[in-house]
Amino acid sequence: MLKTRVALITGSTQGIGLAVARKLAAAGLRVIIHGIESVSDGERLAGEIGDKRFVGYIRADLSNSDEALELIERAEKLFGGVDILVNNAGIQHVAPIEEFTLAKWDKVLSINLTAPFLLMKACLGGMRARGWGRIINVASVHGLIGSANKSAYLAAKHGLVGLTKGVALEMATSGVTANCICPGFTDTPILEAQIKAKAAAVGGSYQEGVQELLREKQPNMTLLPPAQIAAAVEFLCGDDAAGITGIAMPIDGGWTAQ
């Protein structure tokens, strides 16, 4: 069934998004990757994932609501209706709330929460009309629990979990499912600044910074491979997961078990 589907994955030029794009392309889907890289760089990456008949690239700045809305239109022109939407794009800013600027707050919320809202809003009509669809929102363990100095990220990811539940209920009889995946610390570029800060604090190497970061939160003491997150996304896309909707699935090395 998946081989007839079109998947759009936001923020898919690196990290979890790229792993998801590779996984779904390997499963035979037509895949649209998205990022803010130049068109030439994005198309080159798309070509590494698969033939241009089956893998394309669209550049869009999701902090701009107009570009976010246009993303679905451009995706539909490229390969037809979007059957699977993976809202993966995200940014993070770490600072105490007293030092957290409104500009940083607005940027984090616009990409991590407002853009997924707009993209879901734009593609759900087509999914409902076709009687099949999958919304998979890559939230975070921070959509389930808190951490200090991440006020905007927490607000966005908790909001995304709640938004997903609402969409799941609205679509419950339509053949469309909506779910969240909530990764713990994963081996992606978004963690680099935090790892370097931990390394500096202990006067150690980058790898020691990784271990210091994990020691605080993640019992398995291992940065999760993005491919493991991608495997969960692939499962939720399939027909075996048709009865799963409205969940927030932790993939977190035991973080939320504590």
Protein backbone atom coordinates (compact mmCIF):
# COMPACT_ATOMS: atom_id res chain seq x y z
CA MET A 1 0.00 0.00 0.00
CA LEU A 2 2.73 2.47 0.86
CA LYS A 3 4.21 2.30 -2.65
CA THR A 4 1.26 4.32 -3.97
CA ARG A 5 1.71 7.10 -1.40
CA VAL A 6 3.36 10.52 -1.35
CA ALA A 7 5.21 11.64 1.79
CA LEU A 8 6.31 15.16 2.70
CA ILE A 9 8.90 15.36 5.47
CA THR A 10 9.78 18.81 6.80
CA GLY A 11 13.29 19.55 8.01
CA SER A 12 14.58 16.51 6.14
CA THR A 13 18.01 17.55 4.92
CA GLN A 14 19.68 16.24 8.08
CA GLY A 15 19.11 14.31 11.29
CA ILE A 16 15.82 12.55 11.97
CA GLY A 17 14.09 14.03 8.93
CA LEU A 18 16.76 12.77 6.54
CA ALA A 19 16.63 9.31 8.13
CA VAL A 20 12.85 9.27 7.67
CA ALA A 21 13.17 10.38 4.03
CA ARG A 22 15.68 7.61 3.32
CA LYS A 23 13.52 5.00 5.07
CA LEU A 24 10.31 5.93 3.24
CA ALA A 25 12.06 6.23 -0.12
CA ALA A 26 13.54 2.75 0.40
CA ALA A 27 10.01 1.49 1.09
CA GLY A 28 8.97 2.71 -2.35
CA LEU A 29 7.11 5.91 -1.55
CA ARG A 30 7.41 9.10 -3.51
CA VAL A 31 9.17 11.43 -1.09
CA ILE A 32 9.45 15.20 -0.86
CA ILE A 33 12.27 16.48 1.30
CA HIS A 34 12.24 20.02 2.65
CA GLY A 35 14.75 22.43 4.10
CA ILE A 36 16.21 25.92 3.90
CA GLU A 37 19.25 24.93 1.85
CA SER A 38 19.59 26.26 -1.68
CA VAL A 39 17.57 24.54 -4.39
CA SER A 40 20.75 23.18 -5.98
CA ASP A 41 21.98 21.69 -2.68
CA GLY A 42 18.55 20.28 -1.86
CA GLU A 43 18.10 18.72 -5.28
CA ARG A 44 21.58 17.19 -5.05
CA LEU A 45 20.62 15.58 -1.73
CA ALA A 46 17.32 14.39 -3.16
CA GLY A 47 19.26 12.75 -5.98
CA GLU A 48 21.35 10.88 -3.44
CA ILE A 49 18.18 9.49 -1.85
CA GLY A 50 16.50 8.37 -5.06
CA ASP A 51 15.56 9.02 -8.68
CA LYS A 52 14.06 12.46 -9.33
CA ARG A 53 10.88 10.75 -10.53
CA PHE A 54 10.35 9.63 -6.93
CA VAL A 55 12.26 12.07 -4.70
CA GLY A 56 12.04 15.87 -4.88
CA TYR A 57 13.13 18.89 -2.85
CA ILE A 58 11.24 22.05 -1.88
CA ARG A 59 12.86 24.98 -0.12
CA ALA A 60 10.68 26.91 2.34
CA ASP A 61 11.21 28.99 5.47
CA LEU A 62 8.62 27.63 7.90
CA SER A 63 8.96 30.66 10.18
CA ASN A 64 7.12 32.49 7.38
CA SER A 65 3.47 31.43 7.45
CA ASP A 66 2.98 32.23 3.75
CA GLU A 67 5.84 29.92 2.78
CA ALA A 68 4.53 27.22 5.10
CA LEU A 69 1.11 27.33 3.42
CA GLU A 70 2.68 27.33 -0.03
CA LEU A 71 4.67 24.21 0.82
CA ILE A 72 1.62 21.95 0.52
CA GLU A 73 0.58 23.57 -2.77
CA ARG A 74 4.05 23.08 -4.20
CA ALA A 75 4.20 19.50 -2.96
CA GLU A 76 0.87 18.71 -4.64
CA LYS A 77 2.13 20.17 -7.91
CA LEU A 78 5.26 18.06 -7.69
CA PHE A 79 3.80 14.61 -6.98
CA GLY A 80 0.07 15.05 -6.37
CA GLY A 81 -1.77 14.97 -3.05
CA VAL A 82 0.22 14.57 0.16
CA ASP A 83 -0.78 11.28 1.78
CA ILE A 84 1.77 11.33 4.60
CA LEU A 85 2.88 14.48 6.38
CA VAL A 86 5.81 14.22 8.77
CA ASN A 87 6.22 17.46 10.70
CA ASN A 88 9.83 17.14 11.75
CA ALA A 89 11.36 20.60 11.29
CA GLY A 90 12.32 22.21 14.56
CA ILE A 91 14.68 24.59 16.29
CA GLN A 92 15.64 25.08 19.92
CA HIS A 93 16.97 27.93 22.04
CA VAL A 94 18.26 27.34 25.56
CA ALA A 95 18.15 30.20 28.09
CA PRO A 96 16.58 31.06 31.46
CA ILE A 97 13.14 32.56 31.00
CA GLU A 98 14.32 35.95 32.29
CA GLU A 99 16.79 36.06 29.40
CA PHE A 100 14.49 34.51 26.80
CA THR A 101 13.73 37.19 24.23
CA LEU A 102 10.34 37.56 22.58
CA ALA A 103 12.03 37.22 19.18
CA LYS A 104 13.48 33.82 20.15
CA TRP A 105 10.13 32.75 21.62
CA ASP A 106 8.28 33.71 18.44
CA LYS A 107 10.80 31.94 16.19
CA VAL A 108 10.69 28.67 18.14
CA LEU A 109 6.89 28.67 18.28
CA SER A 110 6.51 29.58 14.60
CA ILE A 111 8.60 26.67 13.34
CA ASN A 112 7.82 24.05 15.99
CA LEU A 113 4.08 24.61 16.44
CA THR A 114 2.50 27.13 14.06
CA ALA A 115 4.00 25.57 10.92
CA PRO A 116 2.74 22.05 11.78
CA PHE A 117 -0.72 23.55 12.42
CA LEU A 118 -0.72 25.29 9.03
CA LEU A 119 0.59 22.25 7.16
CA MET A 120 -1.95 19.92 8.75
CA LYS A 121 -4.73 22.38 8.06
CA ALA A 122 -3.69 22.56 4.40
CA CYS A 123 -3.41 18.82 3.70
CA LEU A 124 -6.15 17.23 5.82
CA GLY A 125 -8.93 18.07 3.37
CA GLY A 126 -7.25 16.07 0.63
CA MET A 127 -6.52 13.18 2.97
CA ARG A 128 -10.16 13.09 4.10
CA ALA A 129 -11.37 13.17 0.49
CA ARG A 130 -9.10 10.23 -0.41
CA GLY A 131 -10.12 8.33 2.73
CA TRP A 132 -6.53 7.75 3.85
CA GLY A 133 -3.78 9.78 5.44
CA ARG A 134 -1.05 9.81 8.04
CA ILE A 135 0.05 12.76 10.14
CA ILE A 136 3.18 12.08 12.15
CA ASN A 137 4.46 14.93 14.27
CA VAL A 138 7.97 14.61 15.61
CA ALA A 139 7.54 16.20 19.02
CA SER A 140 10.05 15.41 21.74
CA VAL A 141 10.32 13.90 25.17
CA HIS A 142 9.93 17.59 26.05
CA GLY A 143 6.36 17.31 24.82
CA LEU A 144 5.74 15.04 27.81
CA ILE A 145 7.97 16.33 30.60
CA GLY A 146 9.89 19.50 31.43
CA SER A 147 13.48 20.70 31.61
CA ALA A 148 14.92 23.99 32.77
CA ASN A 149 15.85 26.77 30.34
CA LYS A 150 13.71 25.51 27.45
CA SER A 151 10.50 27.48 27.91
CA ALA A 152 9.63 28.02 24.24
CA TYR A 153 10.61 24.50 23.20
CA LEU A 154 8.49 23.05 26.01
CA ALA A 155 5.52 25.20 25.09
CA ALA A 156 5.79 24.24 21.43
CA LYS A 157 6.29 20.51 21.96
CA HIS A 158 3.61 20.18 24.65
CA GLY A 159 1.35 22.16 22.33
CA LEU A 160 2.15 19.86 19.41
CA VAL A 161 1.20 16.79 21.46
CA GLY A 162 -2.12 18.39 22.39
CA LEU A 163 -2.79 19.59 18.86
CA THR A 164 -2.15 16.09 17.52
CA LYS A 165 -4.68 14.58 19.93
CA GLY A 166 -7.31 17.04 18.77
CA VAL A 167 -6.65 16.33 15.10
CA ALA A 168 -6.76 12.58 15.77
CA LEU A 169 -10.24 12.94 17.28
CA GLU A 170 -11.48 15.15 14.46
CA MET A 171 -10.24 12.64 11.86
CA ALA A 172 -11.13 9.46 13.77
CA THR A 173 -13.66 8.13 11.24
CA SER A 174 -11.95 9.43 8.10
CA GLY A 175 -9.16 6.92 7.52
CA VAL A 176 -6.64 9.54 8.64
CA THR A 177 -4.49 9.01 11.72
CA ALA A 178 -2.46 11.59 13.65
CA ASN A 179 0.30 10.66 16.07
CA CYS A 180 3.34 12.10 17.78
CA ILE A 181 6.75 10.56 18.20
CA CYS A 182 8.65 11.88 21.21
CA PRO A 183 12.39 11.21 20.88
CA GLY A 184 14.87 11.62 23.69
CA PHE A 185 18.41 12.76 23.02
CA THR A 186 19.12 11.75 19.42
CA ASP A 187 22.31 12.01 17.42
CA THR A 188 21.35 15.14 15.48
CA PRO A 189 22.81 18.63 14.96
CA ILE A 190 20.19 20.29 17.21
CA LEU A 191 22.09 19.00 20.27
CA GLU A 192 25.51 20.26 19.26
CA ALA A 193 25.40 23.53 21.22
CA GLN A 194 24.23 21.75 24.39
CA ILE A 195 26.92 19.08 24.08
CA LYS A 196 29.64 21.68 23.60
CA ALA A 197 28.39 23.59 26.64
CA LYS A 198 28.51 20.41 28.75
CA ALA A 199 32.02 19.64 27.49
CA ALA A 200 33.18 23.13 28.39
CA ALA A 201 31.61 22.90 31.84
CA VAL A 202 33.51 19.72 32.69
CA GLY A 203 36.66 20.70 30.80
CA GLY A 204 36.42 17.61 28.66
CA SER A 205 36.12 16.41 25.08
CA TYR A 206 33.05 16.48 22.89
CA GLN A 207 32.38 12.83 23.73
CA GLU A 208 32.63 13.60 27.44
CA GLY A 209 30.08 16.37 26.83
CA VAL A 210 27.77 13.78 25.27
CA GLN A 211 28.09 11.52 28.30
CA GLU A 212 27.49 14.43 30.68
CA LEU A 213 24.33 15.39 28.79
CA LEU A 214 23.02 11.82 28.79
CA ARG A 215 23.87 11.23 32.44
CA GLU A 216 21.35 13.84 33.53
CA LYS A 217 18.36 12.42 31.66
CA GLN A 218 18.69 9.31 29.49
CA PRO A 219 19.26 6.00 31.32
CA ASN A 220 20.55 4.02 28.33
CA MET A 221 23.46 6.50 28.09
CA THR A 222 23.34 6.39 24.31
CA LEU A 223 22.43 9.03 21.75
CA LEU A 224 19.59 7.48 19.77
CA PRO A 225 20.37 6.73 16.11
CA PRO A 226 17.99 8.69 13.83
CA ALA A 227 17.30 5.45 11.94
CA GLN A 228 15.47 4.09 14.99
CA ILE A 229 13.10 7.06 14.94
CA ALA A 230 12.62 6.59 11.20
CA ALA A 231 11.64 2.95 11.72
CA ALA A 232 8.86 4.02 14.08
CA VAL A 233 7.64 6.57 11.53
CA GLU A 234 7.54 3.89 8.83
CA PHE A 235 5.47 1.62 11.08
CA LEU A 236 2.95 4.37 11.87
CA CYS A 237 2.57 5.01 8.14
CA GLY A 238 1.57 1.44 7.42
CA ASP A 239 -1.82 -0.25 7.44
CA ASP A 240 -0.87 -2.29 10.52
CA ALA A 241 -0.99 1.00 12.44
CA ALA A 242 -4.42 2.05 11.19
CA GLY A 243 -5.89 1.70 14.68
CA ILE A 244 -3.21 3.83 16.32
CA THR A 245 -4.15 7.49 16.51
CA GLY A 246 -3.75 10.30 19.02
CA ILE A 247 -0.73 8.79 20.77
CA ALA A 248 2.54 10.37 21.89
CA MET A 249 5.12 7.58 21.57
CA PRO A 250 8.30 8.06 23.63
CA ILE A 251 11.51 6.74 22.06
CA ASP A 252 13.78 7.97 24.76
CA GLY A 253 16.18 5.38 26.18
CA GLY A 254 14.15 5.16 29.38
CA TRP A 255 13.95 8.89 30.07
CA THR A 256 10.20 9.00 30.81
CA ALA A 257 10.33 5.72 32.77
CA GLN A 258 12.01 7.51 35.68
